[in-house]
Amino acid sequence: MRKAGLYYFAPGSSHKWRRSARRAAATCIACLTVSGAFAFAQIASRDVDDVSIAPGPNYDKAKFSLWHPEDAGPLHAVVVLMPGSNQDGRPDVRDPFWQDFARRNNVALMGCYFTDAPHDLAFIENYANAAQGSGQALLDALQALSNRAQHPELANAPLLLWGVSAGGEFNYEFTAWKAERVIGFIVNKGGIYFSALLPSAARRVPGLFYSGELDLDSRKRVISGLFALNRRAGALWAFAEEPNVSHDDKRSRELAAIFFESVLPLRLDASSSEGALQPLDEGSGFLGDPVRMTFRPATEEATETELTAWLPSERVARAWQAVVRGEPIDR
């Protein structure tokens, strides 16, 4: 079985390797120093690789875990799991729900742990502003982890961005910054954003926005407003308000997995050696009516006054309809 470990990644210093087993079965420490551009401290675990990135302009901590199906061949993409405000999402790579998804779709999982440096307005997560340093920290971590996992294809792999609250804020801003790396993304009940109308390339990335009926009015209005603004400009995005839900993910994860499974094959281009993502055409999907809670093929164009949700497949459309109606999702 392959080895796994935790690296501390500090640009501008020498290589330092440290290994210490955290499991009761074995504890050992070994250090090796060689010349180079980065410093690493490695902590062994059985099936997960970890890396830490040095503090940056808009974040204090940046730590990441990578998991992939055992004995997998080349992996298609990485599901990035971004938790709520200043929370540790690294354990999420061990979640059976996401591991089953990864096995079905031949992808890796990346759990994230960002924290802000202390500041006065704690409800504003500066690390969510991906363009200011935290986004590059994630990409640097993925490159380091791809080497450790012996899956070099992951260094430049496309991303599926799942997030809750501040995690969804990060996903939105990362897509604004690096649309070419994102297959699809989730915005899930976060309330603070740094961008309004996103660039055209970002609006062409399929997105799924959630609010909770019982959440703060400010969060609901911000999320629905960002959706409406960009949807009017042609964004391939959907919006769903979960009935009787406050500030939690409830069934949004289930719908997100269906959404990811639909956009993954649509956007991957097997013929491209550069890993370019396929653009999607609005007419190829379905339009959801949030008021009537119905959907129809996107070839039936909306009126000028109608705000619709764009859904990439009939399967996603049916799952979206179930969520907004408060009904069980038929997988």
Protein backbone atom coordinates (compact mmCIF):
# COMPACT_ATOMS: atom_id res chain seq x y z
CA MET A 1 0.00 0.00 0.00
CA ARG A 2 1.23 3.45 -0.82
CA LYS A 3 2.52 5.69 1.96
CA ALA A 4 0.80 8.91 2.93
CA GLY A 5 1.84 11.93 4.91
CA LEU A 6 1.54 15.52 6.02
CA TYR A 7 3.78 18.19 4.50
CA TYR A 8 4.40 21.71 5.70
CA PHE A 9 5.04 23.79 2.60
CA ALA A 10 7.03 26.99 3.13
CA PRO A 11 8.36 28.74 0.02
CA GLY A 12 11.89 30.08 0.19
CA SER A 13 13.42 27.62 2.65
CA SER A 14 15.27 24.28 2.53
CA HIS A 15 13.78 20.80 2.34
CA LYS A 16 13.09 19.34 5.76
CA TRP A 17 11.41 16.01 6.19
CA ARG A 18 9.92 14.86 9.45
CA ARG A 19 7.90 11.77 10.03
CA SER A 20 6.05 10.85 13.21
CA ALA A 21 3.40 8.18 13.46
CA ARG A 22 0.27 9.41 15.24
CA ARG A 23 -1.33 6.05 15.57
CA ALA A 24 -0.95 3.99 18.74
CA ALA A 25 0.49 1.11 16.75
CA ALA A 26 3.72 2.92 15.93
CA THR A 27 5.57 6.12 16.72
CA CYS A 28 8.77 7.07 15.00
CA ILE A 29 10.46 10.33 14.06
CA ALA A 30 12.96 10.81 11.26
CA CYS A 31 14.42 13.99 9.87
CA LEU A 32 16.26 14.53 6.61
CA THR A 33 17.45 17.90 5.32
CA VAL A 34 18.41 18.52 1.69
CA SER A 35 18.82 21.68 -0.35
CA GLY A 36 15.92 23.13 -2.30
CA ALA A 37 13.15 25.71 -2.40
CA PHE A 38 10.58 24.30 0.05
CA ALA A 39 10.34 22.91 3.58
CA PHE A 40 8.17 19.95 4.45
CA ALA A 41 7.33 18.11 7.67
CA GLN A 42 5.66 14.80 7.02
CA ILE A 43 3.30 12.92 9.35
CA ALA A 44 2.38 9.42 8.26
CA SER A 45 -1.19 8.18 8.06
CA ARG A 46 -2.56 5.12 6.38
CA ASP A 47 -4.45 6.35 3.35
CA VAL A 48 -4.54 10.16 3.39
CA ASP A 49 -1.88 12.65 2.33
CA ASP A 50 -1.75 16.07 3.98
CA VAL A 51 0.03 19.34 3.33
CA SER A 52 0.23 22.72 5.04
CA ILE A 53 0.99 25.98 3.25
CA ALA A 54 2.73 28.89 4.93
CA PRO A 55 0.51 31.83 6.01
CA GLY A 56 -0.37 34.22 3.19
CA PRO A 57 -1.83 37.67 2.53
CA ASN A 58 -5.46 36.77 3.28
CA TYR A 59 -5.22 33.68 5.49
CA ASP A 60 -3.42 32.38 8.55
CA LYS A 61 -3.71 28.58 8.38
CA ALA A 62 -4.00 26.64 5.14
CA LYS A 63 -3.98 22.85 5.54
CA PHE A 64 -5.21 20.19 3.16
CA SER A 65 -5.84 16.44 2.95
CA LEU A 66 -6.02 14.28 -0.17
CA TRP A 67 -7.72 10.90 -0.54
CA HIS A 68 -8.29 8.82 -3.65
CA PRO A 69 -9.67 5.34 -4.37
CA GLU A 70 -7.14 2.61 -3.74
CA ASP A 71 -5.43 1.19 -6.84
CA ALA A 72 -7.06 3.86 -9.00
CA GLY A 73 -5.68 4.58 -12.44
CA PRO A 74 -5.42 8.15 -13.70
CA LEU A 75 -7.96 10.29 -11.87
CA HIS A 76 -10.33 12.60 -13.75
CA ALA A 77 -10.75 15.45 -11.29
CA VAL A 78 -10.61 16.58 -7.66
CA VAL A 79 -13.63 17.26 -5.46
CA VAL A 80 -12.64 20.14 -3.18
CA LEU A 81 -14.48 20.01 0.17
CA MET A 82 -14.67 23.47 1.76
CA PRO A 83 -16.28 23.70 5.22
CA GLY A 84 -17.84 26.64 7.04
CA SER A 85 -16.13 29.58 8.68
CA ASN A 86 -12.61 28.74 9.89
CA GLN A 87 -13.53 25.07 10.25
CA ASP A 88 -11.39 22.02 9.50
CA GLY A 89 -12.71 20.15 6.47
CA ARG A 90 -9.83 17.70 6.20
CA PRO A 91 -11.74 14.87 7.93
CA ASP A 92 -14.39 15.16 5.20
CA VAL A 93 -12.18 13.14 2.86
CA ARG A 94 -13.04 10.13 5.04
CA ASP A 95 -16.79 10.71 4.72
CA PRO A 96 -18.31 7.52 3.19
CA PHE A 97 -20.71 9.67 1.13
CA TRP A 98 -17.88 11.43 -0.68
CA GLN A 99 -15.66 8.35 -0.85
CA ASP A 100 -18.46 6.46 -2.60
CA PHE A 101 -18.82 9.38 -5.01
CA ALA A 102 -15.08 9.34 -5.67
CA ARG A 103 -15.06 5.61 -6.42
CA ARG A 104 -18.03 5.86 -8.78
CA ASN A 105 -16.52 8.74 -10.71
CA ASN A 106 -12.78 8.02 -10.44
CA VAL A 107 -11.90 11.31 -8.75
CA ALA A 108 -9.87 12.39 -5.73
CA LEU A 109 -11.10 14.22 -2.62
CA MET A 110 -9.37 17.26 -1.13
CA GLY A 111 -10.39 18.46 2.33
CA CYS A 112 -9.50 22.05 3.26
CA TYR A 113 -8.79 23.97 6.47
CA PHE A 114 -8.42 27.73 6.13
CA THR A 115 -8.44 30.26 8.95
CA ASP A 116 -8.27 34.02 8.97
CA ALA A 117 -5.73 36.00 10.90
CA PRO A 118 -7.57 37.67 13.83
CA HIS A 119 -9.53 40.78 12.83
CA ASP A 120 -12.44 42.83 14.11
CA LEU A 121 -15.22 41.58 11.81
CA ALA A 122 -15.12 37.83 12.40
CA PHE A 123 -18.18 37.19 10.23
CA ILE A 124 -16.11 38.26 7.19
CA GLU A 125 -13.83 35.43 6.09
CA ASN A 126 -11.00 37.11 4.19
CA TYR A 127 -9.65 33.74 3.04
CA ALA A 128 -12.81 33.36 0.94
CA ASN A 129 -11.39 36.01 -1.40
CA ALA A 130 -9.49 33.38 -3.37
CA ALA A 131 -7.72 35.78 -5.73
CA GLN A 132 -5.83 37.35 -2.82
CA GLY A 133 -3.68 34.31 -2.01
CA SER A 134 -5.83 31.51 -0.61
CA GLY A 135 -6.71 30.22 -4.07
CA GLN A 136 -3.04 29.91 -5.00
CA ALA A 137 -2.40 28.17 -1.68
CA LEU A 138 -4.94 25.52 -2.65
CA LEU A 139 -3.34 25.01 -6.07
CA ASP A 140 0.15 24.82 -4.54
CA ALA A 141 -1.10 22.24 -2.05
CA LEU A 142 -2.67 20.16 -4.80
CA GLN A 143 0.57 20.15 -6.75
CA ALA A 144 2.53 18.96 -3.71
CA LEU A 145 -0.07 16.32 -2.86
CA SER A 146 -0.18 15.00 -6.42
CA ASN A 147 3.50 14.13 -6.18
CA ARG A 148 3.11 12.46 -2.81
CA ALA A 149 0.09 10.46 -3.95
CA GLN A 150 1.94 9.39 -7.10
CA HIS A 151 -0.84 10.84 -9.23
CA PRO A 152 0.91 13.61 -11.17
CA GLU A 153 -2.23 14.19 -13.25
CA LEU A 154 -3.81 15.82 -10.18
CA ALA A 155 -1.37 18.75 -10.23
CA ASN A 156 -3.41 20.40 -12.98
CA ALA A 157 -6.64 18.47 -12.61
CA PRO A 158 -9.99 20.23 -12.99
CA LEU A 159 -11.98 20.85 -9.83
CA LEU A 160 -15.47 20.26 -8.52
CA LEU A 161 -16.02 22.74 -5.69
CA TRP A 162 -18.32 21.74 -2.81
CA GLY A 163 -18.73 24.12 0.10
CA VAL A 164 -20.96 25.17 2.97
CA SER A 165 -21.34 28.77 4.19
CA ALA A 166 -17.85 30.34 3.97
CA GLY A 167 -16.84 27.34 1.87
CA GLY A 168 -19.39 28.34 -0.75
CA GLU A 169 -18.10 31.91 -0.62
CA PHE A 170 -14.61 30.61 -1.40
CA ASN A 171 -15.97 28.49 -4.27
CA TYR A 172 -17.67 31.51 -5.83
CA GLU A 173 -14.56 33.66 -5.60
CA PHE A 174 -12.26 30.85 -6.79
CA THR A 175 -14.45 30.40 -9.87
CA ALA A 176 -14.27 34.14 -10.51
CA TRP A 177 -10.47 33.90 -10.31
CA LYS A 178 -9.69 30.58 -12.06
CA ALA A 179 -12.73 29.63 -14.11
CA GLU A 180 -10.60 27.48 -16.42
CA ARG A 181 -9.89 25.04 -13.56
CA VAL A 182 -13.50 24.59 -12.41
CA ILE A 183 -15.88 21.94 -13.78
CA GLY A 184 -18.73 23.07 -11.54
CA PHE A 185 -19.22 24.74 -8.17
CA ILE A 186 -21.60 25.05 -5.23
CA VAL A 187 -22.59 28.19 -3.30
CA ASN A 188 -24.33 27.05 -0.13
CA LYS A 189 -25.79 29.65 2.27
CA GLY A 190 -22.73 31.87 2.67
CA GLY A 191 -23.39 35.55 3.30
CA ILE A 192 -20.23 37.52 2.42
CA TYR A 193 -18.81 37.86 -1.12
CA PHE A 194 -16.15 40.06 -2.68
CA SER A 195 -17.36 39.98 -6.31
CA ALA A 196 -20.72 40.77 -7.90
CA LEU A 197 -20.92 40.35 -11.69
CA LEU A 198 -18.37 37.66 -12.52
CA PRO A 199 -16.29 37.54 -15.72
CA SER A 200 -17.86 35.85 -18.73
CA ALA A 201 -15.68 32.75 -18.33
CA ALA A 202 -16.88 32.27 -14.75
CA ARG A 203 -20.51 32.69 -15.78
CA ARG A 204 -20.05 29.78 -18.19
CA VAL A 205 -19.04 27.44 -15.36
CA PRO A 206 -22.09 25.49 -14.14
CA GLY A 207 -23.05 26.58 -10.64
CA LEU A 208 -25.64 25.61 -8.05
CA PHE A 209 -26.70 28.18 -5.43
CA TYR A 210 -28.57 27.34 -2.22
CA SER A 211 -30.31 29.34 0.45
CA GLY A 212 -32.31 28.11 3.44
CA GLU A 213 -35.86 29.34 3.99
CA LEU A 214 -35.18 29.85 7.71
CA ASP A 215 -31.69 31.35 7.35
CA LEU A 216 -30.83 35.02 7.91
CA ASP A 217 -32.61 37.34 5.49
CA SER A 218 -29.28 38.96 4.63
CA ARG A 219 -27.80 35.64 3.49
CA LYS A 220 -30.86 34.73 1.46
CA ARG A 221 -30.96 38.10 -0.27
CA VAL A 222 -27.25 38.14 -1.04
CA ILE A 223 -27.24 34.66 -2.57
CA SER A 224 -30.43 35.14 -4.58
CA GLY A 225 -29.17 38.56 -5.71
CA LEU A 226 -25.83 37.25 -6.94
CA PHE A 227 -27.63 34.48 -8.76
CA ALA A 228 -30.16 36.85 -10.37
CA LEU A 229 -27.51 39.37 -11.43
CA ASN A 230 -25.31 36.81 -13.15
CA ARG A 231 -28.14 34.69 -14.51
CA ARG A 232 -29.47 37.71 -16.35
CA ALA A 233 -26.03 37.93 -17.97
CA GLY A 234 -26.31 34.33 -19.15
CA ALA A 235 -24.70 32.45 -16.26
CA LEU A 236 -25.26 28.69 -16.41
CA TRP A 237 -26.39 28.65 -12.80
CA ALA A 238 -29.30 27.35 -10.75
CA PHE A 239 -30.81 28.56 -7.49
CA ALA A 240 -32.69 26.49 -4.93
CA GLU A 241 -34.17 27.60 -1.62
CA GLU A 242 -34.52 24.65 0.73
CA PRO A 243 -37.84 24.83 2.62
CA ASN A 244 -37.76 24.60 6.43
CA VAL A 245 -33.95 24.75 6.43
CA SER A 246 -31.78 27.23 8.29
CA HIS A 247 -27.99 27.51 8.04
CA ASP A 248 -27.08 23.88 7.34
CA ASP A 249 -26.60 21.66 4.33
CA LYS A 250 -29.52 19.22 4.84
CA ARG A 251 -30.07 17.64 1.40
CA SER A 252 -27.99 20.12 -0.57
CA ARG A 253 -25.07 17.67 -0.55
CA GLU A 254 -27.20 15.00 -2.21
CA LEU A 255 -28.30 17.36 -4.97
CA ALA A 256 -24.72 18.60 -5.36
CA ALA A 257 -23.47 15.05 -5.96
CA ILE A 258 -26.09 14.53 -8.68
CA PHE A 259 -25.13 17.89 -10.18
CA PHE A 260 -21.43 16.96 -10.14
CA GLU A 261 -22.10 13.57 -11.74
CA SER A 262 -23.95 15.31 -14.56
CA VAL A 263 -21.46 18.07 -15.35
CA LEU A 264 -18.33 15.90 -14.97
CA PRO A 265 -18.72 13.93 -18.25
CA LEU A 266 -20.19 16.94 -20.04
CA ARG A 267 -17.16 19.12 -19.37
CA LEU A 268 -14.25 16.68 -19.58
CA ASP A 269 -12.59 16.58 -22.99
CA ALA A 270 -10.86 13.24 -23.43
CA SER A 271 -9.34 14.35 -26.73
CA SER A 272 -7.54 17.36 -25.22
CA SER A 273 -3.94 16.82 -24.12
CA GLU A 274 -4.09 20.15 -22.28
CA GLY A 275 -7.02 19.12 -20.11
CA ALA A 276 -9.22 21.93 -21.41
CA LEU A 277 -12.81 21.85 -20.23
CA GLN A 278 -15.67 21.64 -22.69
CA PRO A 279 -17.95 24.69 -22.87
CA LEU A 280 -21.65 24.07 -22.38
CA ASP A 281 -24.49 25.55 -24.36
CA GLU A 282 -27.55 26.83 -22.51
CA GLY A 283 -29.86 25.14 -24.99
CA SER A 284 -28.51 21.72 -24.04
CA GLY A 285 -29.95 21.82 -20.52
CA PHE A 286 -33.23 22.51 -18.74
CA LEU A 287 -34.82 25.61 -17.25
CA GLY A 288 -36.26 25.53 -13.75
CA ASP A 289 -39.04 27.87 -12.68
CA PRO A 290 -38.41 28.68 -8.98
CA VAL A 291 -41.91 30.12 -8.53
CA ARG A 292 -43.92 27.28 -10.07
CA MET A 293 -41.30 24.69 -9.07
CA THR A 294 -41.40 23.14 -12.53
CA PHE A 295 -38.85 22.64 -15.29
CA ARG A 296 -38.78 22.36 -19.07
CA PRO A 297 -36.18 21.90 -21.84
CA ALA A 298 -34.01 24.97 -22.33
CA THR A 299 -34.96 24.99 -26.00
CA GLU A 300 -38.23 26.54 -24.77
CA GLU A 301 -36.82 29.99 -24.17
CA ALA A 302 -37.72 32.07 -21.14
CA THR A 303 -39.50 35.40 -21.41
CA GLU A 304 -37.62 38.62 -20.70
CA THR A 305 -39.25 38.97 -17.29
CA GLU A 306 -38.75 35.34 -16.22
CA LEU A 307 -35.87 34.39 -13.94
CA THR A 308 -35.00 30.73 -14.45
CA ALA A 309 -32.55 28.23 -13.04
CA TRP A 310 -30.25 26.55 -15.58
CA LEU A 311 -29.97 22.80 -15.00
CA PRO A 312 -27.51 20.65 -16.98
CA SER A 313 -29.62 17.47 -17.29
CA GLU A 314 -33.08 16.09 -16.68
CA ARG A 315 -31.75 14.10 -13.73
CA VAL A 316 -30.49 17.29 -12.09
CA ALA A 317 -33.75 19.05 -12.95
CA ARG A 318 -35.81 16.38 -11.21
CA ALA A 319 -33.57 16.46 -8.14
CA TRP A 320 -33.72 20.28 -8.06
CA GLN A 321 -37.51 20.14 -8.26
CA ALA A 322 -37.64 17.70 -5.34
CA VAL A 323 -35.46 19.96 -3.20
CA VAL A 324 -37.42 23.16 -3.81
CA ARG A 325 -40.67 21.28 -3.19
CA GLY A 326 -39.34 19.69 -0.01
CA GLU A 327 -39.80 16.20 -1.43
CA PRO A 328 -37.46 13.17 -1.37
CA ILE A 329 -34.88 13.02 -4.14
CA ASP A 330 -35.32 10.03 -6.42
CA ARG A 331 -31.79 8.93 -7.29
